[in-house]
Amino acid sequence: MPTLNTDIQHARQLLDQLGPGQLTAVVQLLEVMLETNVEPDDDEPLSEQDRRTVLASRDHFRKDPSAGVPFDQFAAECGLTMDQIRNHRD
């Protein structure tokens, strides 16, 4: 069974092989993964900046629905299959 240090070393080796676009995608995925580990504070209201950001995002995808990348395509670009993602265990 790999150790944390072995996993980190392997991840660094894989990151070194990625092109700029792939690396950006992985960084964004990691940021999302870290954000989802934080318990949401439902009592905290959205700030005005939050509201503007949400509205801008909705407007962007309403104007150009093809602007997003399907998750399975994103996973494939990262070298993962949807089965690997579905079957992942912590």
N, C-alpha and C. Protein backbone atom coordinates (compact mmCIF):
# COMPACT_ATOMS: atom_id res chain seq x y z
N MET A 1 0.85 -1.18 0.00
CA MET A 1 0.00 0.00 0.00
C MET A 1 0.90 1.24 0.00
N PRO A 2 0.65 2.18 -0.93
CA PRO A 2 1.49 3.38 -1.00
C PRO A 2 1.37 4.24 0.25
N THR A 3 2.46 4.88 0.58
CA THR A 3 2.45 5.82 1.70
C THR A 3 2.12 7.21 1.19
N LEU A 4 1.82 8.11 2.10
CA LEU A 4 1.50 9.48 1.70
C LEU A 4 2.66 10.09 0.93
N ASN A 5 3.89 9.88 1.40
CA ASN A 5 5.05 10.44 0.70
C ASN A 5 5.20 9.86 -0.70
N THR A 6 4.92 8.57 -0.85
CA THR A 6 4.99 7.93 -2.17
C THR A 6 3.92 8.53 -3.09
N ASP A 7 2.71 8.72 -2.55
CA ASP A 7 1.63 9.32 -3.34
C ASP A 7 1.99 10.73 -3.77
N ILE A 8 2.55 11.50 -2.87
CA ILE A 8 2.93 12.89 -3.19
C ILE A 8 4.01 12.90 -4.27
N GLN A 9 4.99 12.04 -4.13
CA GLN A 9 6.06 11.97 -5.12
C GLN A 9 5.50 11.56 -6.48
N HIS A 10 4.60 10.59 -6.49
CA HIS A 10 3.99 10.15 -7.75
C HIS A 10 3.17 11.28 -8.37
N ALA A 11 2.41 11.99 -7.54
CA ALA A 11 1.61 13.12 -8.04
C ALA A 11 2.52 14.18 -8.67
N ARG A 12 3.64 14.46 -8.04
CA ARG A 12 4.57 15.46 -8.60
C ARG A 12 5.13 15.00 -9.95
N GLN A 13 5.43 13.72 -10.05
CA GLN A 13 5.93 13.19 -11.32
C GLN A 13 4.87 13.32 -12.41
N LEU A 14 3.64 13.03 -12.06
CA LEU A 14 2.56 13.15 -13.04
C LEU A 14 2.33 14.61 -13.43
N LEU A 15 2.37 15.51 -12.44
CA LEU A 15 2.17 16.93 -12.73
C LEU A 15 3.25 17.46 -13.67
N ASP A 16 4.46 16.96 -13.51
CA ASP A 16 5.56 17.40 -14.37
C ASP A 16 5.36 17.01 -15.83
N GLN A 17 4.50 16.03 -16.08
CA GLN A 17 4.26 15.55 -17.45
C GLN A 17 3.11 16.28 -18.14
N LEU A 18 2.37 17.09 -17.40
CA LEU A 18 1.19 17.75 -17.96
C LEU A 18 1.56 18.98 -18.75
N GLY A 19 0.75 19.25 -19.78
CA GLY A 19 0.89 20.49 -20.52
C GLY A 19 0.24 21.62 -19.74
N PRO A 20 0.45 22.86 -20.16
CA PRO A 20 -0.08 24.01 -19.42
C PRO A 20 -1.59 23.96 -19.20
N GLY A 21 -2.35 23.62 -20.23
CA GLY A 21 -3.81 23.56 -20.09
C GLY A 21 -4.25 22.48 -19.13
N GLN A 22 -3.58 21.33 -19.21
CA GLN A 22 -3.91 20.22 -18.32
C GLN A 22 -3.57 20.59 -16.87
N LEU A 23 -2.43 21.24 -16.68
CA LEU A 23 -2.03 21.63 -15.33
C LEU A 23 -3.02 22.62 -14.74
N THR A 24 -3.48 23.56 -15.54
CA THR A 24 -4.48 24.52 -15.07
C THR A 24 -5.75 23.79 -14.65
N ALA A 25 -6.17 22.81 -15.45
CA ALA A 25 -7.38 22.05 -15.13
C ALA A 25 -7.21 21.29 -13.81
N VAL A 26 -6.05 20.69 -13.60
CA VAL A 26 -5.81 19.94 -12.37
C VAL A 26 -5.80 20.89 -11.17
N VAL A 27 -5.19 22.03 -11.31
CA VAL A 27 -5.17 23.01 -10.22
C VAL A 27 -6.59 23.43 -9.86
N GLN A 28 -7.41 23.68 -10.87
CA GLN A 28 -8.80 24.06 -10.61
C GLN A 28 -9.56 22.93 -9.92
N LEU A 29 -9.32 21.70 -10.36
CA LEU A 29 -9.96 20.55 -9.72
C LEU A 29 -9.55 20.45 -8.26
N LEU A 30 -8.27 20.61 -7.98
CA LEU A 30 -7.79 20.54 -6.60
C LEU A 30 -8.42 21.64 -5.74
N GLU A 31 -8.54 22.83 -6.32
CA GLU A 31 -9.16 23.92 -5.57
C GLU A 31 -10.61 23.59 -5.23
N VAL A 32 -11.34 23.04 -6.19
CA VAL A 32 -12.72 22.65 -5.94
C VAL A 32 -12.79 21.55 -4.89
N MET A 33 -11.90 20.58 -4.99
CA MET A 33 -11.89 19.49 -4.01
C MET A 33 -11.64 20.02 -2.60
N LEU A 34 -10.74 20.98 -2.48
CA LEU A 34 -10.46 21.55 -1.16
C LEU A 34 -11.62 22.38 -0.66
N GLU A 35 -12.28 23.10 -1.55
CA GLU A 35 -13.43 23.90 -1.14
C GLU A 35 -14.57 23.02 -0.65
N THR A 36 -14.75 21.85 -1.25
CA THR A 36 -15.85 20.98 -0.86
C THR A 36 -15.60 20.30 0.47
N ASN A 37 -14.35 20.34 0.95
CA ASN A 37 -14.06 19.76 2.26
C ASN A 37 -14.41 20.71 3.40
N VAL A 38 -14.73 21.93 3.07
CA VAL A 38 -15.10 22.91 4.08
C VAL A 38 -16.60 22.84 4.29
N GLU A 39 -17.01 22.75 5.54
CA GLU A 39 -18.44 22.70 5.84
C GLU A 39 -19.08 24.03 5.45
N PRO A 40 -20.13 23.99 4.67
CA PRO A 40 -20.78 25.25 4.29
C PRO A 40 -21.45 25.90 5.49
N ASP A 41 -21.40 27.20 5.52
CA ASP A 41 -22.04 27.96 6.58
C ASP A 41 -23.32 28.54 6.01
N ASP A 42 -24.41 27.79 6.14
CA ASP A 42 -25.67 28.22 5.54
C ASP A 42 -26.23 29.48 6.17
N ASP A 43 -25.75 29.82 7.34
CA ASP A 43 -26.26 31.02 8.01
C ASP A 43 -25.60 32.29 7.48
N GLU A 44 -24.49 32.12 6.77
CA GLU A 44 -23.77 33.29 6.27
C GLU A 44 -24.37 33.73 4.94
N PRO A 45 -24.85 34.95 4.88
CA PRO A 45 -25.45 35.42 3.62
C PRO A 45 -24.38 35.65 2.56
N LEU A 46 -24.80 35.59 1.30
CA LEU A 46 -23.88 35.89 0.21
C LEU A 46 -23.52 37.36 0.24
N SER A 47 -22.26 37.63 -0.03
CA SER A 47 -21.84 39.02 -0.14
C SER A 47 -22.28 39.56 -1.49
N GLU A 48 -22.20 40.86 -1.63
CA GLU A 48 -22.55 41.46 -2.92
C GLU A 48 -21.64 40.94 -4.02
N GLN A 49 -20.36 40.77 -3.71
CA GLN A 49 -19.42 40.22 -4.69
C GLN A 49 -19.81 38.79 -5.06
N ASP A 50 -20.22 37.98 -4.07
CA ASP A 50 -20.68 36.62 -4.34
C ASP A 50 -21.85 36.63 -5.30
N ARG A 51 -22.81 37.51 -5.05
CA ARG A 51 -23.99 37.60 -5.90
C ARG A 51 -23.62 37.97 -7.33
N ARG A 52 -22.72 38.95 -7.46
CA ARG A 52 -22.29 39.38 -8.80
C ARG A 52 -21.58 38.24 -9.53
N THR A 53 -20.77 37.50 -8.81
CA THR A 53 -20.04 36.38 -9.41
C THR A 53 -20.98 35.29 -9.87
N VAL A 54 -21.96 34.93 -9.05
CA VAL A 54 -22.95 33.91 -9.42
C VAL A 54 -23.74 34.36 -10.64
N LEU A 55 -24.19 35.59 -10.63
CA LEU A 55 -24.96 36.11 -11.77
C LEU A 55 -24.13 36.14 -13.05
N ALA A 56 -22.87 36.54 -12.94
CA ALA A 56 -22.00 36.58 -14.11
C ALA A 56 -21.78 35.17 -14.66
N SER A 57 -21.62 34.20 -13.78
CA SER A 57 -21.43 32.82 -14.20
C SER A 57 -22.67 32.30 -14.91
N ARG A 58 -23.82 32.53 -14.31
CA ARG A 58 -25.07 32.08 -14.94
C ARG A 58 -25.27 32.74 -16.30
N ASP A 59 -24.99 34.03 -16.38
CA ASP A 59 -25.14 34.76 -17.63
C ASP A 59 -24.19 34.22 -18.69
N HIS A 60 -22.96 33.94 -18.27
CA HIS A 60 -21.95 33.42 -19.20
C HIS A 60 -22.41 32.10 -19.83
N PHE A 61 -22.88 31.17 -19.00
CA PHE A 61 -23.28 29.87 -19.51
C PHE A 61 -24.64 29.91 -20.22
N ARG A 62 -25.47 30.89 -19.88
CA ARG A 62 -26.73 31.06 -20.59
C ARG A 62 -26.44 31.53 -22.02
N LYS A 63 -25.49 32.44 -22.16
CA LYS A 63 -25.14 32.97 -23.49
C LYS A 63 -24.40 31.93 -24.32
N ASP A 64 -23.58 31.12 -23.69
CA ASP A 64 -22.78 30.14 -24.43
C ASP A 64 -22.72 28.83 -23.64
N PRO A 65 -23.77 28.01 -23.74
CA PRO A 65 -23.81 26.75 -22.99
C PRO A 65 -22.65 25.81 -23.32
N SER A 66 -22.05 25.99 -24.49
CA SER A 66 -20.94 25.12 -24.87
C SER A 66 -19.63 25.56 -24.24
N ALA A 67 -19.63 26.66 -23.48
CA ALA A 67 -18.40 27.18 -22.89
C ALA A 67 -17.83 26.25 -21.83
N GLY A 68 -18.68 25.48 -21.19
CA GLY A 68 -18.20 24.55 -20.17
C GLY A 68 -17.65 23.29 -20.79
N VAL A 69 -16.96 22.52 -19.97
CA VAL A 69 -16.41 21.25 -20.40
C VAL A 69 -17.13 20.16 -19.62
N PRO A 70 -17.68 19.16 -20.32
CA PRO A 70 -18.33 18.06 -19.60
C PRO A 70 -17.34 17.39 -18.65
N PHE A 71 -17.83 16.99 -17.48
CA PHE A 71 -16.95 16.43 -16.46
C PHE A 71 -16.21 15.20 -16.97
N ASP A 72 -16.87 14.34 -17.74
CA ASP A 72 -16.20 13.14 -18.23
C ASP A 72 -15.06 13.50 -19.17
N GLN A 73 -15.21 14.58 -19.94
CA GLN A 73 -14.13 15.05 -20.80
C GLN A 73 -12.98 15.58 -19.94
N PHE A 74 -13.31 16.34 -18.93
CA PHE A 74 -12.30 16.88 -18.02
C PHE A 74 -11.53 15.72 -17.37
N ALA A 75 -12.27 14.71 -16.90
CA ALA A 75 -11.63 13.56 -16.26
C ALA A 75 -10.68 12.87 -17.24
N ALA A 76 -11.13 12.68 -18.47
CA ALA A 76 -10.29 12.03 -19.47
C ALA A 76 -9.02 12.83 -19.74
N GLU A 77 -9.14 14.14 -19.78
CA GLU A 77 -7.96 14.99 -19.99
C GLU A 77 -6.97 14.87 -18.83
N CYS A 78 -7.49 14.49 -17.67
CA CYS A 78 -6.63 14.28 -16.49
C CYS A 78 -6.14 12.83 -16.40
N GLY A 79 -6.52 12.02 -17.39
CA GLY A 79 -6.09 10.63 -17.41
C GLY A 79 -6.93 9.71 -16.55
N LEU A 80 -8.15 10.11 -16.23
CA LEU A 80 -9.03 9.31 -15.39
C LEU A 80 -10.24 8.84 -16.18
N THR A 81 -10.79 7.73 -15.75
CA THR A 81 -12.06 7.27 -16.33
C THR A 81 -13.16 7.58 -15.33
N MET A 82 -14.38 7.62 -15.83
CA MET A 82 -15.51 7.87 -14.93
C MET A 82 -15.67 6.72 -13.94
N ASP A 83 -15.35 5.49 -14.35
CA ASP A 83 -15.40 4.36 -13.41
C ASP A 83 -14.40 4.55 -12.27
N GLN A 84 -13.21 5.06 -12.58
CA GLN A 84 -12.23 5.31 -11.51
C GLN A 84 -12.77 6.35 -10.52
N ILE A 85 -13.43 7.36 -11.05
CA ILE A 85 -13.95 8.41 -10.19
C ILE A 85 -15.10 7.87 -9.35
N ARG A 86 -16.01 7.14 -9.99
CA ARG A 86 -17.16 6.59 -9.26
C ARG A 86 -16.73 5.60 -8.18
N ASN A 87 -15.69 4.84 -8.44
CA ASN A 87 -15.27 3.78 -7.52
C ASN A 87 -14.19 4.21 -6.55
N HIS A 88 -13.84 5.50 -6.56
CA HIS A 88 -12.78 5.99 -5.67
C HIS A 88 -13.21 5.87 -4.22
N ARG A 89 -12.33 5.41 -3.42
CA ARG A 89 -12.57 5.28 -1.97
C ARG A 89 -11.49 6.06 -1.23
N ASP A 90 -11.90 6.82 -0.24
CA ASP A 90 -10.92 7.56 0.57
C ASP A 90 -10.14 6.64 1.45
